[in-house]
Amino acid sequence: MRLSATPLMQAAQLAAKSPKVKAQPKLRPDFSQALEQSMTAKIGLGNQKNSMLEKAFSPFMEEGKFETDKLPSPAKRELVKLQKAAEDFEAYFVKDLLSKMRPVSLTGEKSPMADMAKDMMDQAISESAAKGNGSLGIAKTVFLSMSERLVNQAAGEAAEKSKLNQ
């Protein structure tokens, strides 16, 4: 006797057969805006001294403003990875801070389950805090300090390509 597949099993089989489409991760809007403001200020449009910078970054500029959307895909992927690493760093810091602030149990008894539950709660709170708009700002600061190097590298590669195409 053969059992008929349940709708749930059929859906699982269909999902396994269909090709996986990966959603392209994006930068958080607040990170993207901070990077755009930082780079626009650094390039200093209209300043004669920075005219070479303007030329180098021109493929990523629109109406005098740096646009992260104009970066090449590899640079965007690296920025998303950097954002994730910065958020993970802030989450680790917040988790450590929470665990250090937690008062020691007054009963003196240690329960492995209670310790594990507290650790899991600290982890969840810290991850949520690092990824939300109400974060401490550590992730954004780390991201900005390192993202400019990635953008500079993308500008250098774009300049090399334009020289080769001429």
C-alpha atoms as a PDB file:
ATOM      1  CA  MET A   1       0.000   0.000   0.000  1.00  0.00           C
ATOM      2  CA  ARG A   2       1.404   3.357  -1.027  1.00  0.00           C
ATOM      3  CA  LEU A   3       0.746   6.442   1.074  1.00  0.00           C
ATOM      4  CA  SER A   4      -0.197   9.588  -0.760  1.00  0.00           C
ATOM      5  CA  ALA A   5       1.986  12.594  -0.169  1.00  0.00           C
ATOM      6  CA  THR A   6       0.590  15.293   2.054  1.00  0.00           C
ATOM      7  CA  PRO A   7       0.375  18.836   0.711  1.00  0.00           C
ATOM      8  CA  LEU A   8       3.265  19.797   2.981  1.00  0.00           C
ATOM      9  CA  MET A   9       5.445  17.006   1.564  1.00  0.00           C
ATOM     10  CA  GLN A  10       4.474  17.990  -1.980  1.00  0.00           C
ATOM     11  CA  ALA A  11       5.433  21.602  -1.306  1.00  0.00           C
ATOM     12  CA  ALA A  12       8.785  20.506   0.145  1.00  0.00           C
ATOM     13  CA  GLN A  13       9.502  18.319  -2.894  1.00  0.00           C
ATOM     14  CA  LEU A  14       8.563  21.129  -5.270  1.00  0.00           C
ATOM     15  CA  ALA A  15      10.764  23.594  -3.383  1.00  0.00           C
ATOM     16  CA  ALA A  16      13.684  21.166  -3.537  1.00  0.00           C
ATOM     17  CA  LYS A  17      13.337  20.861  -7.321  1.00  0.00           C
ATOM     18  CA  SER A  18      12.939  24.566  -8.079  1.00  0.00           C
ATOM     19  CA  PRO A  19      16.090  26.638  -8.613  1.00  0.00           C
ATOM     20  CA  LYS A  20      17.157  28.726  -5.657  1.00  0.00           C
ATOM     21  CA  VAL A  21      16.980  32.457  -6.245  1.00  0.00           C
ATOM     22  CA  LYS A  22      19.133  34.302  -3.780  1.00  0.00           C
ATOM     23  CA  ALA A  23      17.953  37.727  -2.749  1.00  0.00           C
ATOM     24  CA  GLN A  24      20.687  40.286  -3.223  1.00  0.00           C
ATOM     25  CA  PRO A  25      21.545  41.688   0.218  1.00  0.00           C
ATOM     26  CA  LYS A  26      21.503  45.455   0.422  1.00  0.00           C
ATOM     27  CA  LEU A  27      23.118  48.051   2.601  1.00  0.00           C
ATOM     28  CA  ARG A  28      20.966  49.442   5.371  1.00  0.00           C
ATOM     29  CA  PRO A  29      19.691  52.894   4.369  1.00  0.00           C
ATOM     30  CA  ASP A  30      21.337  54.578   7.369  1.00  0.00           C
ATOM     31  CA  PHE A  31      24.721  53.015   6.522  1.00  0.00           C
ATOM     32  CA  SER A  32      24.382  53.951   2.850  1.00  0.00           C
ATOM     33  CA  GLN A  33      23.409  57.534   3.675  1.00  0.00           C
ATOM     34  CA  ALA A  34      26.300  57.934   6.134  1.00  0.00           C
ATOM     35  CA  LEU A  35      28.784  56.631   3.541  1.00  0.00           C
ATOM     36  CA  GLU A  36      27.373  58.926   0.849  1.00  0.00           C
ATOM     37  CA  GLN A  37      27.638  61.968   3.142  1.00  0.00           C
ATOM     38  CA  SER A  38      31.153  61.051   4.211  1.00  0.00           C
ATOM     39  CA  MET A  39      32.410  60.533   0.662  1.00  0.00           C
ATOM     40  CA  THR A  40      30.685  63.671  -0.675  1.00  0.00           C
ATOM     41  CA  ALA A  41      32.359  65.725   2.060  1.00  0.00           C
ATOM     42  CA  LYS A  42      35.729  64.058   1.453  1.00  0.00           C
ATOM     43  CA  ILE A  43      35.633  64.653  -2.296  1.00  0.00           C
ATOM     44  CA  GLY A  44      34.783  68.318  -1.706  1.00  0.00           C
ATOM     45  CA  LEU A  45      33.112  69.232  -4.979  1.00  0.00           C
ATOM     46  CA  GLY A  46      33.989  72.617  -6.423  1.00  0.00           C
ATOM     47  CA  ASN A  47      37.332  72.748  -4.678  1.00  0.00           C
ATOM     48  CA  GLN A  48      40.099  73.149  -7.254  1.00  0.00           C
ATOM     49  CA  LYS A  49      42.486  71.141  -5.092  1.00  0.00           C
ATOM     50  CA  ASN A  50      40.117  68.169  -5.225  1.00  0.00           C
ATOM     51  CA  SER A  51      39.469  68.224  -8.979  1.00  0.00           C
ATOM     52  CA  MET A  52      41.443  64.972  -9.411  1.00  0.00           C
ATOM     53  CA  LEU A  53      39.247  63.323  -6.781  1.00  0.00           C
ATOM     54  CA  GLU A  54      36.170  64.539  -8.627  1.00  0.00           C
ATOM     55  CA  LYS A  55      37.431  62.891 -11.811  1.00  0.00           C
ATOM     56  CA  ALA A  56      38.245  59.631 -10.048  1.00  0.00           C
ATOM     57  CA  PHE A  57      34.857  59.442  -8.345  1.00  0.00           C
ATOM     58  CA  SER A  58      32.780  60.821 -11.245  1.00  0.00           C
ATOM     59  CA  PRO A  59      31.336  57.383 -12.176  1.00  0.00           C
ATOM     60  CA  PHE A  60      29.773  57.232  -8.701  1.00  0.00           C
ATOM     61  CA  MET A  61      28.493  60.805  -8.556  1.00  0.00           C
ATOM     62  CA  GLU A  62      25.133  62.278  -9.461  1.00  0.00           C
ATOM     63  CA  GLU A  63      24.340  65.984  -9.213  1.00  0.00           C
ATOM     64  CA  GLY A  64      27.393  66.587  -7.059  1.00  0.00           C
ATOM     65  CA  LYS A  65      26.552  63.839  -4.591  1.00  0.00           C
ATOM     66  CA  PHE A  66      28.205  60.456  -4.089  1.00  0.00           C
ATOM     67  CA  GLU A  67      25.767  57.566  -4.727  1.00  0.00           C
ATOM     68  CA  THR A  68      26.402  54.074  -3.332  1.00  0.00           C
ATOM     69  CA  ASP A  69      23.936  52.665  -5.885  1.00  0.00           C
ATOM     70  CA  LYS A  70      26.387  53.555  -8.671  1.00  0.00           C
ATOM     71  CA  LEU A  71      29.180  51.406  -7.231  1.00  0.00           C
ATOM     72  CA  PRO A  72      30.030  48.210  -9.150  1.00  0.00           C
ATOM     73  CA  SER A  73      28.452  44.990  -7.868  1.00  0.00           C
ATOM     74  CA  PRO A  74      31.671  43.549  -6.364  1.00  0.00           C
ATOM     75  CA  ALA A  75      32.152  46.714  -4.297  1.00  0.00           C
ATOM     76  CA  LYS A  76      28.526  46.610  -3.135  1.00  0.00           C
ATOM     77  CA  ARG A  77      28.925  42.969  -2.084  1.00  0.00           C
ATOM     78  CA  GLU A  78      32.060  43.839  -0.111  1.00  0.00           C
ATOM     79  CA  LEU A  79      30.248  46.726   1.575  1.00  0.00           C
ATOM     80  CA  VAL A  80      27.398  44.398   2.581  1.00  0.00           C
ATOM     81  CA  LYS A  81      29.944  41.934   4.035  1.00  0.00           C
ATOM     82  CA  LEU A  82      31.617  44.788   5.894  1.00  0.00           C
ATOM     83  CA  GLN A  83      28.251  45.947   7.229  1.00  0.00           C
ATOM     84  CA  LYS A  84      27.530  42.430   8.531  1.00  0.00           C
ATOM     85  CA  ALA A  85      30.959  42.191  10.177  1.00  0.00           C
ATOM     86  CA  ALA A  86      30.500  45.609  11.803  1.00  0.00           C
ATOM     87  CA  GLU A  87      27.049  44.624  13.100  1.00  0.00           C
ATOM     88  CA  ASP A  88      28.448  41.342  14.437  1.00  0.00           C
ATOM     89  CA  PHE A  89      31.243  43.264  16.186  1.00  0.00           C
ATOM     90  CA  GLU A  90      28.736  45.598  17.843  1.00  0.00           C
ATOM     91  CA  ALA A  91      26.543  42.629  18.815  1.00  0.00           C
ATOM     92  CA  TYR A  92      29.539  40.902  20.432  1.00  0.00           C
ATOM     93  CA  PHE A  93      30.410  44.087  22.325  1.00  0.00           C
ATOM     94  CA  VAL A  94      26.823  44.624  23.532  1.00  0.00           C
ATOM     95  CA  LYS A  95      26.495  40.957  24.554  1.00  0.00           C
ATOM     96  CA  ASP A  96      29.684  41.179  26.582  1.00  0.00           C
ATOM     97  CA  LEU A  97      28.479  44.423  28.138  1.00  0.00           C
ATOM     98  CA  LEU A  98      25.116  42.890  29.068  1.00  0.00           C
ATOM     99  CA  SER A  99      26.681  39.801  30.599  1.00  0.00           C
ATOM    100  CA  LYS A 100      29.076  41.933  32.683  1.00  0.00           C
ATOM    101  CA  MET A 101      26.248  44.169  33.892  1.00  0.00           C
ATOM    102  CA  ARG A 102      24.056  41.277  34.971  1.00  0.00           C
ATOM    103  CA  PRO A 103      24.166  40.905  38.746  1.00  0.00           C
ATOM    104  CA  VAL A 104      25.449  37.666  40.160  1.00  0.00           C
ATOM    105  CA  SER A 105      22.787  35.407  41.613  1.00  0.00           C
ATOM    106  CA  LEU A 106      22.303  36.030  45.339  1.00  0.00           C
ATOM    107  CA  THR A 107      21.426  32.408  46.043  1.00  0.00           C
ATOM    108  CA  GLY A 108      24.884  31.220  45.130  1.00  0.00           C
ATOM    109  CA  GLU A 109      23.421  28.323  43.152  1.00  0.00           C
ATOM    110  CA  LYS A 110      24.452  27.993  39.543  1.00  0.00           C
ATOM    111  CA  SER A 111      22.080  26.415  37.116  1.00  0.00           C
ATOM    112  CA  PRO A 112      23.431  25.428  33.693  1.00  0.00           C
ATOM    113  CA  MET A 113      19.996  25.930  32.152  1.00  0.00           C
ATOM    114  CA  ALA A 114      19.604  29.400  33.662  1.00  0.00           C
ATOM    115  CA  ASP A 115      23.086  30.361  32.465  1.00  0.00           C
ATOM    116  CA  MET A 116      22.299  29.111  28.971  1.00  0.00           C
ATOM    117  CA  ALA A 117      18.973  30.976  28.926  1.00  0.00           C
ATOM    118  CA  LYS A 118      20.655  34.212  30.061  1.00  0.00           C
ATOM    119  CA  ASP A 119      23.356  33.792  27.427  1.00  0.00           C
ATOM    120  CA  MET A 120      20.786  33.194  24.687  1.00  0.00           C
ATOM    121  CA  MET A 121      18.770  36.211  25.833  1.00  0.00           C
ATOM    122  CA  ASP A 122      21.888  38.407  25.849  1.00  0.00           C
ATOM    123  CA  GLN A 123      22.745  37.172  22.346  1.00  0.00           C
ATOM    124  CA  ALA A 124      19.263  37.938  21.003  1.00  0.00           C
ATOM    125  CA  ILE A 125      19.176  41.403  22.586  1.00  0.00           C
ATOM    126  CA  SER A 126      22.658  42.272  21.363  1.00  0.00           C
ATOM    127  CA  GLU A 127      21.973  41.151  17.775  1.00  0.00           C
ATOM    128  CA  SER A 128      18.720  43.089  17.719  1.00  0.00           C
ATOM    129  CA  ALA A 129      20.405  46.178  19.153  1.00  0.00           C
ATOM    130  CA  ALA A 130      23.266  46.077  16.637  1.00  0.00           C
ATOM    131  CA  LYS A 131      20.967  45.798  13.618  1.00  0.00           C
ATOM    132  CA  GLY A 132      18.341  48.321  14.654  1.00  0.00           C
ATOM    133  CA  ASN A 133      18.209  52.064  14.251  1.00  0.00           C
ATOM    134  CA  GLY A 134      18.609  52.437  18.006  1.00  0.00           C
ATOM    135  CA  SER A 135      22.062  50.866  18.011  1.00  0.00           C
ATOM    136  CA  LEU A 136      25.004  52.338  19.873  1.00  0.00           C
ATOM    137  CA  GLY A 137      26.563  53.428  16.586  1.00  0.00           C
ATOM    138  CA  ILE A 138      29.632  51.243  16.942  1.00  0.00           C
ATOM    139  CA  ALA A 139      28.775  49.253  13.814  1.00  0.00           C
ATOM    140  CA  LYS A 140      28.251  52.388  11.724  1.00  0.00           C
ATOM    141  CA  THR A 141      31.531  53.919  12.936  1.00  0.00           C
ATOM    142  CA  VAL A 142      33.476  50.739  12.145  1.00  0.00           C
ATOM    143  CA  PHE A 143      31.712  50.480   8.777  1.00  0.00           C
ATOM    144  CA  LEU A 144      32.507  54.084   7.811  1.00  0.00           C
ATOM    145  CA  SER A 145      36.143  53.845   8.823  1.00  0.00           C
ATOM    146  CA  MET A 146      36.693  50.787   6.640  1.00  0.00           C
ATOM    147  CA  SER A 147      34.225  51.387   3.789  1.00  0.00           C
ATOM    148  CA  GLU A 148      36.090  54.404   2.442  1.00  0.00           C
ATOM    149  CA  ARG A 149      39.001  52.135   1.558  1.00  0.00           C
ATOM    150  CA  LEU A 150      36.659  49.858  -0.425  1.00  0.00           C
ATOM    151  CA  VAL A 151      35.178  52.858  -2.248  1.00  0.00           C
ATOM    152  CA  ASN A 152      38.654  54.211  -3.019  1.00  0.00           C
ATOM    153  CA  GLN A 153      39.618  50.815  -4.414  1.00  0.00           C
ATOM    154  CA  ALA A 154      36.485  50.753  -6.608  1.00  0.00           C
ATOM    155  CA  ALA A 155      37.300  54.264  -7.872  1.00  0.00           C
ATOM    156  CA  GLY A 156      40.854  53.177  -8.707  1.00  0.00           C
ATOM    157  CA  GLU A 157      39.606  50.143 -10.612  1.00  0.00           C
ATOM    158  CA  ALA A 158      37.094  52.293 -12.521  1.00  0.00           C
ATOM    159  CA  ALA A 159      39.858  54.762 -13.422  1.00  0.00           C
ATOM    160  CA  GLU A 160      42.077  51.921 -14.688  1.00  0.00           C
ATOM    161  CA  LYS A 161      39.242  50.546 -16.823  1.00  0.00           C
ATOM    162  CA  SER A 162      38.565  53.949 -18.352  1.00  0.00           C
ATOM    163  CA  LYS A 163      42.277  54.340 -19.199  1.00  0.00           C
ATOM    164  CA  LEU A 164      42.314  50.919 -20.857  1.00  0.00           C
ATOM    165  CA  ASN A 165      39.193  51.730 -22.872  1.00  0.00           C
ATOM    166  CA  GLN A 166      40.674  54.945 -24.254  1.00  0.00           C
END
